[in-house]
Amino acid sequence: MTTEEQTKLAALAVSAALLAAVLAPVRQHFRENLRDGFPLSCYPMFNAERQKHGFVTHLVGYEADGTRRILHYSYLGTGGLNQVRRQLRRLALAGRGGELALEVADAVASRSRKADAAVVRVDVVTGRYDYAQFFSGNRTPKSEVVHGSAEVLRDPQARALRAGLVEMDRSK
């Protein structure tokens, strides 16, 4: 066998191997149970059946007139959205929603965010959302569980009293 024939045979073998690697995931689609096998994947994240509803634990602020607004996650933490959201969910499910609501209410009162200046109450909630409606603009939850609620006290002395840091003057 000449060098030229050897080169052609090697190129043919490499081409056949690459073609087999590219086409190998196709066989997954003929199985009853798809199985992801990195690096040759059937990409189940894109072709799997999605649920119609999802649950999200988040912060809700209410204005005096009842207007509801979603509060920014940074009231609870400096990490990224998903990191703070996971911590919020874990703590709320552990029964610490009231503590979290107090912490956020105090943060809302002490920060000067114009968007939240009218917020008078904070709730920690887990909402059940319909994905199709949510992404088409209807952000109203299908159902909601309130884990904790706290009034926003703008007066620093009132916040300190609530926290138990200042004793009340009972002589008055």
C-alpha atoms as a PDB file:
ATOM      1  CA  MET A   1       0.000   0.000   0.000  1.00  0.00           C
ATOM      2  CA  THR A   2       1.387   3.372  -1.010  1.00  0.00           C
ATOM      3  CA  THR A   3       1.630   6.436   1.197  1.00  0.00           C
ATOM      4  CA  GLU A   4      -1.094   8.145  -0.803  1.00  0.00           C
ATOM      5  CA  GLU A   5      -3.469   5.197  -0.293  1.00  0.00           C
ATOM      6  CA  GLN A   6      -2.655   5.148   3.437  1.00  0.00           C
ATOM      7  CA  THR A   7      -3.468   8.881   3.691  1.00  0.00           C
ATOM      8  CA  LYS A   8      -6.789   8.388   1.889  1.00  0.00           C
ATOM      9  CA  LEU A   9      -7.651   5.407   4.101  1.00  0.00           C
ATOM     10  CA  ALA A  10      -6.828   7.409   7.257  1.00  0.00           C
ATOM     11  CA  ALA A  11      -8.947  10.348   6.043  1.00  0.00           C
ATOM     12  CA  LEU A  12     -11.817   7.951   5.279  1.00  0.00           C
ATOM     13  CA  ALA A  13     -11.536   6.363   8.752  1.00  0.00           C
ATOM     14  CA  VAL A  14     -11.504   9.758  10.502  1.00  0.00           C
ATOM     15  CA  SER A  15     -14.490  10.945   8.405  1.00  0.00           C
ATOM     16  CA  ALA A  16     -16.449   7.760   9.205  1.00  0.00           C
ATOM     17  CA  ALA A  17     -15.690   8.120  12.934  1.00  0.00           C
ATOM     18  CA  LEU A  18     -16.826  11.756  12.969  1.00  0.00           C
ATOM     19  CA  LEU A  19     -19.999  10.920  11.033  1.00  0.00           C
ATOM     20  CA  ALA A  20     -20.793   8.073  13.460  1.00  0.00           C
ATOM     21  CA  ALA A  21     -20.248  10.403  16.450  1.00  0.00           C
ATOM     22  CA  VAL A  22     -22.574  13.031  15.000  1.00  0.00           C
ATOM     23  CA  LEU A  23     -25.314  10.520  14.134  1.00  0.00           C
ATOM     24  CA  ALA A  24     -25.066   8.387  17.321  1.00  0.00           C
ATOM     25  CA  PRO A  25     -27.513  10.500  19.375  1.00  0.00           C
ATOM     26  CA  VAL A  26     -30.236   9.930  16.766  1.00  0.00           C
ATOM     27  CA  ARG A  27     -30.689   6.346  17.990  1.00  0.00           C
ATOM     28  CA  GLN A  28     -31.800   7.741  21.369  1.00  0.00           C
ATOM     29  CA  HIS A  29     -34.998   9.039  19.762  1.00  0.00           C
ATOM     30  CA  PHE A  30     -36.143   5.510  19.012  1.00  0.00           C
ATOM     31  CA  ARG A  31     -35.922   4.413  22.662  1.00  0.00           C
ATOM     32  CA  GLU A  32     -38.828   4.558  25.074  1.00  0.00           C
ATOM     33  CA  ASN A  33     -36.752   6.250  27.798  1.00  0.00           C
ATOM     34  CA  LEU A  34     -34.390   8.899  26.501  1.00  0.00           C
ATOM     35  CA  ARG A  35     -31.045   8.956  28.275  1.00  0.00           C
ATOM     36  CA  ASP A  36     -28.580  11.812  28.123  1.00  0.00           C
ATOM     37  CA  GLY A  37     -25.032  10.647  27.515  1.00  0.00           C
ATOM     38  CA  PHE A  38     -22.438  13.396  27.435  1.00  0.00           C
ATOM     39  CA  PRO A  39     -20.759  14.196  25.056  1.00  0.00           C
ATOM     40  CA  LEU A  40     -23.137  12.492  22.632  1.00  0.00           C
ATOM     41  CA  SER A  41     -26.429  13.897  23.789  1.00  0.00           C
ATOM     42  CA  CYS A  42     -30.050  13.823  22.691  1.00  0.00           C
ATOM     43  CA  TYR A  43     -30.473  17.240  24.389  1.00  0.00           C
ATOM     44  CA  PRO A  44     -33.395  16.372  26.694  1.00  0.00           C
ATOM     45  CA  MET A  45     -33.338  19.892  28.126  1.00  0.00           C
ATOM     46  CA  PHE A  46     -34.759  21.076  24.815  1.00  0.00           C
ATOM     47  CA  ASN A  47     -37.080  18.221  23.841  1.00  0.00           C
ATOM     48  CA  ALA A  48     -38.457  17.115  27.231  1.00  0.00           C
ATOM     49  CA  GLU A  49     -42.094  17.709  28.090  1.00  0.00           C
ATOM     50  CA  ARG A  50     -42.307  20.852  30.202  1.00  0.00           C
ATOM     51  CA  GLN A  51     -44.604  21.361  33.155  1.00  0.00           C
ATOM     52  CA  LYS A  52     -47.370  23.906  32.726  1.00  0.00           C
ATOM     53  CA  HIS A  53     -46.911  25.427  36.192  1.00  0.00           C
ATOM     54  CA  GLY A  54     -43.973  26.401  38.361  1.00  0.00           C
ATOM     55  CA  PHE A  55     -43.448  27.553  41.935  1.00  0.00           C
ATOM     56  CA  VAL A  56     -41.355  30.609  42.800  1.00  0.00           C
ATOM     57  CA  THR A  57     -40.590  31.971  46.268  1.00  0.00           C
ATOM     58  CA  HIS A  58     -40.109  35.732  46.174  1.00  0.00           C
ATOM     59  CA  LEU A  59     -40.699  39.062  47.914  1.00  0.00           C
ATOM     60  CA  VAL A  60     -43.868  41.087  47.428  1.00  0.00           C
ATOM     61  CA  GLY A  61     -44.400  44.677  48.562  1.00  0.00           C
ATOM     62  CA  TYR A  62     -47.799  46.340  49.050  1.00  0.00           C
ATOM     63  CA  GLU A  63     -48.526  50.030  48.915  1.00  0.00           C
ATOM     64  CA  ALA A  64     -51.193  51.687  51.110  1.00  0.00           C
ATOM     65  CA  ASP A  65     -53.761  51.553  48.283  1.00  0.00           C
ATOM     66  CA  GLY A  66     -53.205  47.785  47.832  1.00  0.00           C
ATOM     67  CA  THR A  67     -50.956  48.038  44.792  1.00  0.00           C
ATOM     68  CA  ARG A  68     -48.774  44.958  44.645  1.00  0.00           C
ATOM     69  CA  ARG A  69     -45.177  44.999  43.438  1.00  0.00           C
ATOM     70  CA  ILE A  70     -42.441  42.399  43.221  1.00  0.00           C
ATOM     71  CA  LEU A  71     -39.463  43.548  45.309  1.00  0.00           C
ATOM     72  CA  HIS A  72     -35.878  43.262  44.141  1.00  0.00           C
ATOM     73  CA  TYR A  73     -34.013  40.222  45.426  1.00  0.00           C
ATOM     74  CA  SER A  74     -31.092  42.390  46.625  1.00  0.00           C
ATOM     75  CA  TYR A  75     -33.070  43.249  49.763  1.00  0.00           C
ATOM     76  CA  LEU A  76     -32.055  39.801  51.009  1.00  0.00           C
ATOM     77  CA  GLY A  77     -28.624  39.194  49.555  1.00  0.00           C
ATOM     78  CA  THR A  78     -25.791  40.314  47.347  1.00  0.00           C
ATOM     79  CA  GLY A  79     -25.390  37.108  45.349  1.00  0.00           C
ATOM     80  CA  GLY A  80     -27.029  36.506  42.007  1.00  0.00           C
ATOM     81  CA  LEU A  81     -30.783  36.175  41.553  1.00  0.00           C
ATOM     82  CA  ASN A  82     -30.829  32.365  41.507  1.00  0.00           C
ATOM     83  CA  GLN A  83     -28.538  32.079  44.532  1.00  0.00           C
ATOM     84  CA  VAL A  84     -30.673  34.441  46.644  1.00  0.00           C
ATOM     85  CA  ARG A  85     -33.904  32.862  45.380  1.00  0.00           C
ATOM     86  CA  ARG A  86     -32.757  29.363  46.399  1.00  0.00           C
ATOM     87  CA  GLN A  87     -31.768  30.601  49.871  1.00  0.00           C
ATOM     88  CA  LEU A  88     -35.098  32.417  50.218  1.00  0.00           C
ATOM     89  CA  ARG A  89     -37.027  29.271  49.282  1.00  0.00           C
ATOM     90  CA  ARG A  90     -35.024  27.097  51.675  1.00  0.00           C
ATOM     91  CA  LEU A  91     -35.489  29.501  54.607  1.00  0.00           C
ATOM     92  CA  ALA A  92     -39.192  30.060  53.890  1.00  0.00           C
ATOM     93  CA  LEU A  93     -39.841  26.316  53.802  1.00  0.00           C
ATOM     94  CA  ALA A  94     -37.929  25.999  57.094  1.00  0.00           C
ATOM     95  CA  GLY A  95     -40.494  28.310  58.722  1.00  0.00           C
ATOM     96  CA  ARG A  96     -38.390  31.471  58.806  1.00  0.00           C
ATOM     97  CA  GLY A  97     -40.636  33.556  56.518  1.00  0.00           C
ATOM     98  CA  GLY A  98     -41.548  35.983  59.314  1.00  0.00           C
ATOM     99  CA  GLU A  99     -37.884  36.719  60.078  1.00  0.00           C
ATOM    100  CA  LEU A 100     -37.167  37.243  56.391  1.00  0.00           C
ATOM    101  CA  ALA A 101     -40.161  39.576  56.005  1.00  0.00           C
ATOM    102  CA  LEU A 102     -38.936  41.683  58.957  1.00  0.00           C
ATOM    103  CA  GLU A 103     -35.428  41.850  57.498  1.00  0.00           C
ATOM    104  CA  VAL A 104     -36.743  42.939  54.097  1.00  0.00           C
ATOM    105  CA  ALA A 105     -39.207  45.447  55.619  1.00  0.00           C
ATOM    106  CA  ASP A 106     -36.338  47.077  57.523  1.00  0.00           C
ATOM    107  CA  ALA A 107     -34.182  47.100  54.384  1.00  0.00           C
ATOM    108  CA  VAL A 108     -36.999  48.713  52.359  1.00  0.00           C
ATOM    109  CA  ALA A 109     -37.402  51.381  55.068  1.00  0.00           C
ATOM    110  CA  SER A 110     -33.699  52.163  55.339  1.00  0.00           C
ATOM    111  CA  ARG A 111     -32.859  52.237  51.615  1.00  0.00           C
ATOM    112  CA  SER A 112     -33.786  55.108  49.362  1.00  0.00           C
ATOM    113  CA  ARG A 113     -35.083  53.212  46.311  1.00  0.00           C
ATOM    114  CA  LYS A 114     -37.659  55.452  44.671  1.00  0.00           C
ATOM    115  CA  ALA A 115     -39.519  52.480  43.204  1.00  0.00           C
ATOM    116  CA  ASP A 116     -40.235  51.101  46.678  1.00  0.00           C
ATOM    117  CA  ALA A 117     -40.771  54.377  48.557  1.00  0.00           C
ATOM    118  CA  ALA A 118     -44.519  53.768  48.888  1.00  0.00           C
ATOM    119  CA  VAL A 119     -44.287  50.162  50.100  1.00  0.00           C
ATOM    120  CA  VAL A 120     -45.946  49.751  53.520  1.00  0.00           C
ATOM    121  CA  ARG A 121     -45.958  45.955  53.880  1.00  0.00           C
ATOM    122  CA  VAL A 122     -43.683  43.120  52.789  1.00  0.00           C
ATOM    123  CA  ASP A 123     -44.676  39.475  52.268  1.00  0.00           C
ATOM    124  CA  VAL A 124     -42.492  36.435  51.631  1.00  0.00           C
ATOM    125  CA  VAL A 125     -44.560  34.262  49.314  1.00  0.00           C
ATOM    126  CA  THR A 126     -44.409  31.145  47.181  1.00  0.00           C
ATOM    127  CA  GLY A 127     -46.535  31.609  44.100  1.00  0.00           C
ATOM    128  CA  ARG A 128     -47.744  29.004  41.624  1.00  0.00           C
ATOM    129  CA  TYR A 129     -47.513  30.454  38.121  1.00  0.00           C
ATOM    130  CA  ASP A 130     -48.836  29.291  34.770  1.00  0.00           C
ATOM    131  CA  TYR A 131     -45.812  29.578  32.478  1.00  0.00           C
ATOM    132  CA  ALA A 132     -47.755  30.350  29.297  1.00  0.00           C
ATOM    133  CA  GLN A 133     -49.734  33.147  30.944  1.00  0.00           C
ATOM    134  CA  PHE A 134     -46.722  34.506  32.820  1.00  0.00           C
ATOM    135  CA  PHE A 135     -44.584  34.856  29.700  1.00  0.00           C
ATOM    136  CA  SER A 136     -47.463  36.379  27.753  1.00  0.00           C
ATOM    137  CA  GLY A 137     -47.726  39.194  30.317  1.00  0.00           C
ATOM    138  CA  ASN A 138     -50.156  37.968  32.997  1.00  0.00           C
ATOM    139  CA  ARG A 139     -47.961  37.902  36.113  1.00  0.00           C
ATOM    140  CA  THR A 140     -50.795  37.034  38.522  1.00  0.00           C
ATOM    141  CA  PRO A 141     -50.125  33.811  40.454  1.00  0.00           C
ATOM    142  CA  LYS A 142     -52.656  30.975  40.227  1.00  0.00           C
ATOM    143  CA  SER A 143     -52.238  30.454  43.973  1.00  0.00           C
ATOM    144  CA  GLU A 144     -49.977  31.786  46.674  1.00  0.00           C
ATOM    145  CA  VAL A 145     -48.725  30.795  50.123  1.00  0.00           C
ATOM    146  CA  VAL A 146     -47.610  33.607  52.447  1.00  0.00           C
ATOM    147  CA  HIS A 147     -44.672  32.489  54.616  1.00  0.00           C
ATOM    148  CA  GLY A 148     -44.326  35.761  56.509  1.00  0.00           C
ATOM    149  CA  SER A 149     -45.442  39.363  56.532  1.00  0.00           C
ATOM    150  CA  ALA A 150     -44.085  42.558  58.103  1.00  0.00           C
ATOM    151  CA  GLU A 151     -45.019  46.210  58.196  1.00  0.00           C
ATOM    152  CA  VAL A 152     -42.480  48.671  56.795  1.00  0.00           C
ATOM    153  CA  LEU A 153     -41.617  51.097  59.598  1.00  0.00           C
ATOM    154  CA  ARG A 154     -39.926  54.204  58.227  1.00  0.00           C
ATOM    155  CA  ASP A 155     -39.095  55.610  61.690  1.00  0.00           C
ATOM    156  CA  PRO A 156     -35.681  54.229  62.821  1.00  0.00           C
ATOM    157  CA  GLN A 157     -36.760  54.322  66.473  1.00  0.00           C
ATOM    158  CA  ALA A 158     -39.871  52.265  65.702  1.00  0.00           C
ATOM    159  CA  ARG A 159     -37.700  49.706  63.878  1.00  0.00           C
ATOM    160  CA  ALA A 160     -35.307  49.550  66.836  1.00  0.00           C
ATOM    161  CA  LEU A 161     -38.262  49.068  69.205  1.00  0.00           C
ATOM    162  CA  ARG A 162     -39.589  46.246  67.033  1.00  0.00           C
ATOM    163  CA  ALA A 163     -36.173  44.643  67.041  1.00  0.00           C
ATOM    164  CA  GLY A 164     -36.047  44.906  70.828  1.00  0.00           C
ATOM    165  CA  LEU A 165     -32.967  47.101  70.816  1.00  0.00           C
ATOM    166  CA  VAL A 166     -34.521  50.055  72.644  1.00  0.00           C
ATOM    167  CA  GLU A 167     -36.543  49.816  75.830  1.00  0.00           C
ATOM    168  CA  MET A 168     -39.797  51.689  75.929  1.00  0.00           C
ATOM    169  CA  ASP A 169     -40.016  54.678  78.278  1.00  0.00           C
ATOM    170  CA  ARG A 170     -42.985  53.611  80.418  1.00  0.00           C
ATOM    171  CA  SER A 171     -42.942  56.750  82.595  1.00  0.00           C
ATOM    172  CA  LYS A 172     -44.892  58.799  80.066  1.00  0.00           C
END
